[in-house]
Amino acid sequence: MSERGTRLSRRAINEAFATARDAAGLDAGLDLHCLRHSYVTHLIEFDYPVRFVQEQVGHAHASTTSIYTGVSASYRNQLLARALDTIYGEHLEQA
């Protein structure tokens, strides 16, 4: 809804996003749908449960949500470290 109480068109929203994107000097290839991917990725990286994330974006299947997720190398390393710690615990620290 706009400040006038009318609905915003998709075109108006896309144009506003493009204006903000260009003013920020971001890549012209970025679009509103990129924000959806970022939202999903950030929720996953902040350790929100996958089922919660899936419901937030209205996906029927977790496999669809996984397509939207592009986690960082740092996050993947954290997951690996947690898994190793769970498996090896103190034995890993002594090595």
C-alpha atoms as a PDB file:
ATOM      1  CA  MET A   1       0.000   0.000   0.000  1.00  0.00           C
ATOM      2  CA  SER A   2       1.175   3.502  -0.732  1.00  0.00           C
ATOM      3  CA  GLU A   3       0.863   6.576   1.478  1.00  0.00           C
ATOM      4  CA  ARG A   4      -2.325   7.358  -0.456  1.00  0.00           C
ATOM      5  CA  GLY A   5      -3.899   4.060   0.504  1.00  0.00           C
ATOM      6  CA  THR A   6      -3.645   2.618  -2.988  1.00  0.00           C
ATOM      7  CA  ARG A   7      -1.809  -0.484  -4.022  1.00  0.00           C
ATOM      8  CA  LEU A   8       1.645  -0.197  -5.538  1.00  0.00           C
ATOM      9  CA  SER A   9       2.145  -1.843  -8.893  1.00  0.00           C
ATOM     10  CA  ARG A  10       4.945  -4.341  -9.432  1.00  0.00           C
ATOM     11  CA  ARG A  11       6.407  -1.941 -11.942  1.00  0.00           C
ATOM     12  CA  ALA A  12       6.488   0.921  -9.411  1.00  0.00           C
ATOM     13  CA  ILE A  13       8.138  -1.298  -6.809  1.00  0.00           C
ATOM     14  CA  ASN A  14      10.733  -2.548  -9.304  1.00  0.00           C
ATOM     15  CA  GLU A  15      11.471   1.010 -10.449  1.00  0.00           C
ATOM     16  CA  ALA A  16      11.913   2.187  -6.843  1.00  0.00           C
ATOM     17  CA  PHE A  17      14.254  -0.717  -6.157  1.00  0.00           C
ATOM     18  CA  ALA A  18      16.250  -0.015  -9.324  1.00  0.00           C
ATOM     19  CA  THR A  19      16.591   3.642  -8.349  1.00  0.00           C
ATOM     20  CA  ALA A  20      17.853   2.733  -4.865  1.00  0.00           C
ATOM     21  CA  ARG A  21      20.162   0.027  -6.247  1.00  0.00           C
ATOM     22  CA  ASP A  22      21.675   2.403  -8.785  1.00  0.00           C
ATOM     23  CA  ALA A  23      22.076   5.181  -6.198  1.00  0.00           C
ATOM     24  CA  ALA A  24      23.953   2.726  -3.975  1.00  0.00           C
ATOM     25  CA  GLY A  25      26.208   1.757  -6.862  1.00  0.00           C
ATOM     26  CA  LEU A  26      25.183  -1.886  -6.772  1.00  0.00           C
ATOM     27  CA  ASP A  27      25.290  -4.288  -9.704  1.00  0.00           C
ATOM     28  CA  ALA A  28      22.537  -3.603 -12.226  1.00  0.00           C
ATOM     29  CA  GLY A  29      21.786  -7.342 -12.307  1.00  0.00           C
ATOM     30  CA  LEU A  30      20.355  -7.235  -8.783  1.00  0.00           C
ATOM     31  CA  ASP A  31      16.577  -7.293  -8.600  1.00  0.00           C
ATOM     32  CA  LEU A  32      13.925  -7.612  -5.918  1.00  0.00           C
ATOM     33  CA  HIS A  33      14.029 -11.391  -6.120  1.00  0.00           C
ATOM     34  CA  CYS A  34      17.663 -11.231  -4.967  1.00  0.00           C
ATOM     35  CA  LEU A  35      16.372  -9.847  -1.658  1.00  0.00           C
ATOM     36  CA  ARG A  36      14.323 -13.016  -1.202  1.00  0.00           C
ATOM     37  CA  HIS A  37      17.439 -15.126  -1.682  1.00  0.00           C
ATOM     38  CA  SER A  38      19.356 -12.908   0.782  1.00  0.00           C
ATOM     39  CA  TYR A  39      16.555 -13.141   3.348  1.00  0.00           C
ATOM     40  CA  VAL A  40      16.566 -16.951   3.223  1.00  0.00           C
ATOM     41  CA  THR A  41      20.356 -17.115   3.375  1.00  0.00           C
ATOM     42  CA  HIS A  42      20.582 -14.768   6.367  1.00  0.00           C
ATOM     43  CA  LEU A  43      17.914 -16.654   8.303  1.00  0.00           C
ATOM     44  CA  ILE A  44      19.814 -19.907   7.722  1.00  0.00           C
ATOM     45  CA  GLU A  45      23.153 -18.336   8.681  1.00  0.00           C
ATOM     46  CA  PHE A  46      21.588 -16.949  11.878  1.00  0.00           C
ATOM     47  CA  ASP A  47      20.584 -20.530  12.749  1.00  0.00           C
ATOM     48  CA  TYR A  48      16.841 -20.212  12.349  1.00  0.00           C
ATOM     49  CA  PRO A  49      15.294 -23.671  11.974  1.00  0.00           C
ATOM     50  CA  VAL A  50      14.986 -24.731   8.340  1.00  0.00           C
ATOM     51  CA  ARG A  51      11.271 -25.470   8.774  1.00  0.00           C
ATOM     52  CA  PHE A  52      10.716 -21.918  10.062  1.00  0.00           C
ATOM     53  CA  VAL A  53      12.573 -20.450   7.068  1.00  0.00           C
ATOM     54  CA  GLN A  54      10.600 -22.660   4.699  1.00  0.00           C
ATOM     55  CA  GLU A  55       7.321 -21.400   6.176  1.00  0.00           C
ATOM     56  CA  GLN A  56       8.496 -17.773   6.117  1.00  0.00           C
ATOM     57  CA  VAL A  57       8.917 -17.855   2.348  1.00  0.00           C
ATOM     58  CA  GLY A  58       5.926 -20.094   1.650  1.00  0.00           C
ATOM     59  CA  HIS A  59       7.743 -23.081   0.227  1.00  0.00           C
ATOM     60  CA  ALA A  60       5.977 -26.431   0.317  1.00  0.00           C
ATOM     61  CA  HIS A  61       9.261 -28.355   0.168  1.00  0.00           C
ATOM     62  CA  ALA A  62      12.587 -27.885   1.941  1.00  0.00           C
ATOM     63  CA  SER A  63      14.345 -28.659  -1.336  1.00  0.00           C
ATOM     64  CA  THR A  64      12.921 -25.448  -2.804  1.00  0.00           C
ATOM     65  CA  THR A  65      14.195 -23.461   0.178  1.00  0.00           C
ATOM     66  CA  SER A  66      17.650 -24.976  -0.261  1.00  0.00           C
ATOM     67  CA  ILE A  67      17.780 -23.583  -3.808  1.00  0.00           C
ATOM     68  CA  TYR A  68      17.340 -20.095  -2.331  1.00  0.00           C
ATOM     69  CA  THR A  69      20.167 -20.572   0.147  1.00  0.00           C
ATOM     70  CA  GLY A  70      23.669 -19.429  -0.754  1.00  0.00           C
ATOM     71  CA  VAL A  71      25.598 -19.560   2.501  1.00  0.00           C
ATOM     72  CA  SER A  72      29.084 -18.137   2.833  1.00  0.00           C
ATOM     73  CA  ALA A  73      32.302 -20.127   3.107  1.00  0.00           C
ATOM     74  CA  SER A  74      32.629 -18.850   6.669  1.00  0.00           C
ATOM     75  CA  TYR A  75      29.243 -20.327   7.591  1.00  0.00           C
ATOM     76  CA  ARG A  76      30.128 -23.663   5.955  1.00  0.00           C
ATOM     77  CA  ASN A  77      33.352 -23.713   7.995  1.00  0.00           C
ATOM     78  CA  GLN A  78      31.381 -23.036  11.189  1.00  0.00           C
ATOM     79  CA  LEU A  79      29.035 -25.931  10.395  1.00  0.00           C
ATOM     80  CA  LEU A  80      31.978 -28.222   9.783  1.00  0.00           C
ATOM     81  CA  ALA A  81      33.654 -27.139  13.025  1.00  0.00           C
ATOM     82  CA  ARG A  82      30.421 -27.783  14.970  1.00  0.00           C
ATOM     83  CA  ALA A  83      30.030 -31.217  13.404  1.00  0.00           C
ATOM     84  CA  LEU A  84      33.634 -32.158  14.193  1.00  0.00           C
ATOM     85  CA  ASP A  85      33.277 -30.869  17.735  1.00  0.00           C
ATOM     86  CA  THR A  86      30.115 -32.932  18.189  1.00  0.00           C
ATOM     87  CA  ILE A  87      31.850 -36.059  16.933  1.00  0.00           C
ATOM     88  CA  TYR A  88      35.291 -35.644  18.465  1.00  0.00           C
ATOM     89  CA  GLY A  89      34.766 -33.085  21.230  1.00  0.00           C
ATOM     90  CA  GLU A  90      37.765 -32.706  23.484  1.00  0.00           C
ATOM     91  CA  HIS A  91      39.775 -35.256  21.498  1.00  0.00           C
ATOM     92  CA  LEU A  92      40.079 -32.758  18.642  1.00  0.00           C
ATOM     93  CA  GLU A  93      41.432 -30.015  20.941  1.00  0.00           C
ATOM     94  CA  GLN A  94      44.121 -32.333  22.336  1.00  0.00           C
ATOM     95  CA  ALA A  95      45.518 -33.216  18.901  1.00  0.00           C
END
